[in-house]
Amino acid sequence: MTKAELVADAAAAAGTTKAATEKVLNAVLESIEEALVKGKNVTLVGFGTFTTASRQSREGRNPKTGAKIKIPKARVAKFRPGKKLRESVNK
């Protein structure tokens, strides 16, 4: 599902316009991003939790040349689904 499809579905479910729904969705996504940048977790009860984690530097390979390369350490975003979401997906 693309963002446009998500906006259309949410707008239909809420009885609002696509423009208004997209504005709200963008604000929610921006708020989640800002919280993660600050190192905070975002928990949506029943849906899941957005967190960040540190990845250590490691050695990898260039897929084109096969040469060894060093992959630097990085902070990455993670998502852990909540119980309700896990149960819905597993039905």
N, C-alpha and C. Protein backbone atom coordinates (compact mmCIF):
# COMPACT_ATOMS: atom_id res chain seq x y z
N MET A 1 0.84 -1.17 0.00
CA MET A 1 0.00 0.00 0.00
C MET A 1 0.89 1.24 0.00
N THR A 2 0.60 2.16 -0.88
CA THR A 2 1.35 3.41 -0.94
C THR A 2 0.75 4.42 0.03
N LYS A 3 1.48 5.52 0.21
CA LYS A 3 0.99 6.58 1.09
C LYS A 3 -0.33 7.14 0.54
N ALA A 4 -0.41 7.31 -0.77
CA ALA A 4 -1.63 7.85 -1.39
C ALA A 4 -2.82 6.92 -1.15
N GLU A 5 -2.59 5.61 -1.23
CA GLU A 5 -3.66 4.65 -0.97
C GLU A 5 -4.08 4.68 0.50
N LEU A 6 -3.10 4.81 1.39
CA LEU A 6 -3.39 4.90 2.82
C LEU A 6 -4.23 6.14 3.12
N VAL A 7 -3.85 7.26 2.52
CA VAL A 7 -4.59 8.52 2.71
C VAL A 7 -6.02 8.36 2.21
N ALA A 8 -6.19 7.75 1.04
CA ALA A 8 -7.53 7.57 0.47
C ALA A 8 -8.39 6.68 1.37
N ASP A 9 -7.83 5.58 1.86
CA ASP A 9 -8.57 4.68 2.75
C ASP A 9 -8.95 5.37 4.06
N ALA A 10 -8.00 6.08 4.65
CA ALA A 10 -8.25 6.76 5.92
C ALA A 10 -9.28 7.88 5.75
N ALA A 11 -9.20 8.61 4.64
CA ALA A 11 -10.15 9.69 4.38
C ALA A 11 -11.56 9.13 4.24
N ALA A 12 -11.69 8.01 3.54
CA ALA A 12 -13.01 7.39 3.37
C ALA A 12 -13.55 6.89 4.71
N ALA A 13 -12.69 6.28 5.52
CA ALA A 13 -13.12 5.75 6.82
C ALA A 13 -13.52 6.87 7.78
N ALA A 14 -12.81 8.00 7.72
CA ALA A 14 -13.08 9.10 8.64
C ALA A 14 -14.12 10.09 8.10
N GLY A 15 -14.45 9.97 6.82
CA GLY A 15 -15.42 10.89 6.23
C GLY A 15 -14.86 12.29 6.04
N THR A 16 -13.55 12.38 5.77
CA THR A 16 -12.91 13.67 5.54
C THR A 16 -12.30 13.69 4.14
N THR A 17 -11.77 14.84 3.78
CA THR A 17 -11.14 14.95 2.47
C THR A 17 -9.75 14.32 2.48
N LYS A 18 -9.29 13.97 1.30
CA LYS A 18 -7.94 13.41 1.18
C LYS A 18 -6.90 14.44 1.61
N ALA A 19 -7.13 15.71 1.27
CA ALA A 19 -6.18 16.77 1.61
C ALA A 19 -6.04 16.92 3.12
N ALA A 20 -7.16 16.93 3.82
CA ALA A 20 -7.13 17.06 5.28
C ALA A 20 -6.47 15.85 5.92
N THR A 21 -6.79 14.67 5.41
CA THR A 21 -6.22 13.43 5.94
C THR A 21 -4.72 13.38 5.71
N GLU A 22 -4.29 13.79 4.53
CA GLU A 22 -2.85 13.79 4.23
C GLU A 22 -2.11 14.77 5.14
N LYS A 23 -2.72 15.91 5.42
CA LYS A 23 -2.11 16.90 6.31
C LYS A 23 -1.91 16.31 7.71
N VAL A 24 -2.92 15.62 8.21
CA VAL A 24 -2.83 14.99 9.54
C VAL A 24 -1.79 13.88 9.53
N LEU A 25 -1.81 13.03 8.50
CA LEU A 25 -0.84 11.94 8.41
C LEU A 25 0.58 12.48 8.38
N ASN A 26 0.82 13.52 7.58
CA ASN A 26 2.15 14.12 7.52
C ASN A 26 2.58 14.65 8.88
N ALA A 27 1.66 15.27 9.61
CA ALA A 27 1.98 15.80 10.94
C ALA A 27 2.33 14.68 11.90
N VAL A 28 1.60 13.57 11.85
CA VAL A 28 1.88 12.42 12.72
C VAL A 28 3.25 11.84 12.40
N LEU A 29 3.52 11.62 11.12
CA LEU A 29 4.81 11.05 10.72
C LEU A 29 5.97 11.97 11.10
N GLU A 30 5.77 13.27 10.94
CA GLU A 30 6.80 14.24 11.31
C GLU A 30 7.04 14.22 12.82
N SER A 31 5.99 14.11 13.60
CA SER A 31 6.13 14.04 15.06
C SER A 31 6.88 12.79 15.49
N ILE A 32 6.58 11.66 14.85
CA ILE A 32 7.30 10.41 15.16
C ILE A 32 8.77 10.56 14.82
N GLU A 33 9.06 11.12 13.65
CA GLU A 33 10.45 11.32 13.23
C GLU A 33 11.20 12.23 14.20
N GLU A 34 10.58 13.34 14.60
CA GLU A 34 11.23 14.26 15.53
C GLU A 34 11.53 13.60 16.87
N ALA A 35 10.61 12.79 17.36
CA ALA A 35 10.82 12.09 18.63
C ALA A 35 11.99 11.11 18.51
N LEU A 36 12.05 10.37 17.42
CA LEU A 36 13.14 9.41 17.23
C LEU A 36 14.49 10.11 17.10
N VAL A 37 14.52 11.25 16.42
CA VAL A 37 15.77 12.02 16.29
C VAL A 37 16.26 12.44 17.67
N LYS A 38 15.33 12.77 18.57
CA LYS A 38 15.68 13.18 19.93
C LYS A 38 15.99 11.99 20.84
N GLY A 39 15.88 10.77 20.30
CA GLY A 39 16.17 9.57 21.08
C GLY A 39 15.01 9.07 21.92
N LYS A 40 13.82 9.60 21.67
CA LYS A 40 12.63 9.17 22.42
C LYS A 40 11.93 8.02 21.71
N ASN A 41 11.23 7.19 22.47
CA ASN A 41 10.39 6.14 21.91
C ASN A 41 9.00 6.69 21.68
N VAL A 42 8.30 6.14 20.70
CA VAL A 42 6.91 6.52 20.45
C VAL A 42 6.07 5.25 20.54
N THR A 43 5.16 5.21 21.53
CA THR A 43 4.32 4.03 21.73
C THR A 43 2.88 4.36 21.41
N LEU A 44 2.30 3.60 20.50
CA LEU A 44 0.89 3.70 20.16
C LEU A 44 0.26 2.40 20.66
N VAL A 45 -0.41 2.47 21.80
CA VAL A 45 -0.92 1.28 22.47
C VAL A 45 -1.78 0.44 21.52
N GLY A 46 -1.48 -0.83 21.44
CA GLY A 46 -2.20 -1.75 20.57
C GLY A 46 -1.63 -1.82 19.18
N PHE A 47 -0.93 -0.77 18.74
CA PHE A 47 -0.35 -0.74 17.40
C PHE A 47 1.11 -1.13 17.44
N GLY A 48 1.91 -0.43 18.26
CA GLY A 48 3.32 -0.77 18.35
C GLY A 48 4.16 0.37 18.88
N THR A 49 5.48 0.12 18.91
CA THR A 49 6.43 1.09 19.44
C THR A 49 7.54 1.35 18.44
N PHE A 50 7.80 2.62 18.19
CA PHE A 50 8.92 3.04 17.35
C PHE A 50 10.08 3.37 18.28
N THR A 51 11.26 2.84 17.99
CA THR A 51 12.45 3.09 18.79
C THR A 51 13.64 3.30 17.87
N THR A 52 14.79 3.63 18.47
CA THR A 52 16.04 3.66 17.73
C THR A 52 17.01 2.70 18.38
N ALA A 53 17.97 2.24 17.59
CA ALA A 53 19.00 1.34 18.10
C ALA A 53 20.31 1.69 17.40
N SER A 54 21.41 1.37 18.05
CA SER A 54 22.73 1.62 17.47
C SER A 54 23.24 0.35 16.81
N ARG A 55 23.74 0.49 15.60
CA ARG A 55 24.39 -0.62 14.91
C ARG A 55 25.88 -0.36 14.95
N GLN A 56 26.64 -1.36 15.32
CA GLN A 56 28.10 -1.23 15.36
C GLN A 56 28.65 -1.22 13.93
N SER A 57 29.85 -0.67 13.78
CA SER A 57 30.49 -0.73 12.47
C SER A 57 30.83 -2.19 12.18
N ARG A 58 30.85 -2.52 10.91
CA ARG A 58 31.14 -3.91 10.54
C ARG A 58 31.77 -3.95 9.16
N GLU A 59 32.26 -5.12 8.83
CA GLU A 59 32.87 -5.30 7.53
C GLU A 59 31.84 -5.90 6.58
N GLY A 60 31.81 -5.39 5.37
CA GLY A 60 30.89 -5.91 4.36
C GLY A 60 31.62 -6.08 3.05
N ARG A 61 30.87 -6.37 2.01
CA ARG A 61 31.45 -6.54 0.68
C ARG A 61 30.67 -5.70 -0.32
N ASN A 62 31.41 -5.11 -1.25
CA ASN A 62 30.79 -4.41 -2.36
C ASN A 62 30.20 -5.48 -3.28
N PRO A 63 28.89 -5.47 -3.53
CA PRO A 63 28.29 -6.53 -4.34
C PRO A 63 28.78 -6.56 -5.79
N LYS A 64 29.20 -5.42 -6.31
CA LYS A 64 29.67 -5.37 -7.70
C LYS A 64 31.08 -5.92 -7.84
N THR A 65 31.97 -5.51 -6.92
CA THR A 65 33.38 -5.87 -7.06
C THR A 65 33.81 -6.99 -6.12
N GLY A 66 33.06 -7.23 -5.08
CA GLY A 66 33.44 -8.24 -4.10
C GLY A 66 34.49 -7.74 -3.11
N ALA A 67 34.91 -6.49 -3.26
CA ALA A 67 35.94 -5.93 -2.38
C ALA A 67 35.37 -5.70 -0.98
N LYS A 68 36.21 -5.89 0.03
CA LYS A 68 35.79 -5.66 1.40
C LYS A 68 35.65 -4.16 1.64
N ILE A 69 34.59 -3.77 2.35
CA ILE A 69 34.39 -2.37 2.71
C ILE A 69 34.00 -2.30 4.18
N LYS A 70 34.26 -1.16 4.79
CA LYS A 70 33.88 -0.96 6.18
C LYS A 70 32.55 -0.21 6.20
N ILE A 71 31.58 -0.79 6.87
CA ILE A 71 30.27 -0.15 7.01
C ILE A 71 30.28 0.56 8.36
N PRO A 72 30.13 1.90 8.36
CA PRO A 72 30.25 2.65 9.62
C PRO A 72 29.08 2.38 10.57
N LYS A 73 29.31 2.69 11.86
CA LYS A 73 28.23 2.53 12.83
C LYS A 73 27.12 3.51 12.49
N ALA A 74 25.92 3.16 12.87
CA ALA A 74 24.77 4.00 12.53
C ALA A 74 23.67 3.81 13.56
N ARG A 75 22.83 4.81 13.67
CA ARG A 75 21.63 4.73 14.49
C ARG A 75 20.47 4.45 13.54
N VAL A 76 19.67 3.44 13.84
CA VAL A 76 18.59 3.05 12.94
C VAL A 76 17.25 3.07 13.67
N ALA A 77 16.19 3.30 12.91
CA ALA A 77 14.84 3.27 13.46
C ALA A 77 14.34 1.83 13.45
N LYS A 78 13.58 1.48 14.49
CA LYS A 78 13.00 0.14 14.60
C LYS A 78 11.53 0.27 14.97
N PHE A 79 10.78 -0.77 14.64
CA PHE A 79 9.36 -0.82 15.00
C PHE A 79 9.06 -2.18 15.58
N ARG A 80 8.41 -2.19 16.73
CA ARG A 80 7.98 -3.45 17.36
C ARG A 80 6.46 -3.41 17.43
N PRO A 81 5.80 -4.32 16.70
CA PRO A 81 4.33 -4.31 16.70
C PRO A 81 3.75 -4.65 18.06
N GLY A 82 2.62 -4.04 18.38
CA GLY A 82 1.92 -4.31 19.63
C GLY A 82 1.13 -5.61 19.54
N LYS A 83 0.63 -6.06 20.66
CA LYS A 83 -0.09 -7.34 20.75
C LYS A 83 -1.30 -7.38 19.81
N LYS A 84 -2.10 -6.32 19.82
CA LYS A 84 -3.31 -6.29 18.98
C LYS A 84 -2.95 -6.39 17.50
N LEU A 85 -1.93 -5.66 17.06
CA LEU A 85 -1.51 -5.70 15.66
C LEU A 85 -0.97 -7.09 15.31
N ARG A 86 -0.15 -7.66 16.17
CA ARG A 86 0.39 -9.00 15.93
C ARG A 86 -0.74 -10.02 15.78
N GLU A 87 -1.73 -9.94 16.67
CA GLU A 87 -2.85 -10.87 16.62
C GLU A 87 -3.68 -10.68 15.35
N SER A 88 -3.90 -9.45 14.94
CA SER A 88 -4.67 -9.17 13.72
C SER A 88 -3.97 -9.73 12.49
N VAL A 89 -2.67 -9.55 12.42
CA VAL A 89 -1.90 -10.02 11.27
C VAL A 89 -1.86 -11.54 11.22
N ASN A 90 -1.85 -12.19 12.38
CA ASN A 90 -1.74 -13.65 12.43
C ASN A 90 -3.07 -14.38 12.29
N LYS A 91 -4.17 -13.68 12.06
CA LYS A 91 -5.48 -14.34 11.90
C LYS A 91 -5.55 -15.05 10.57
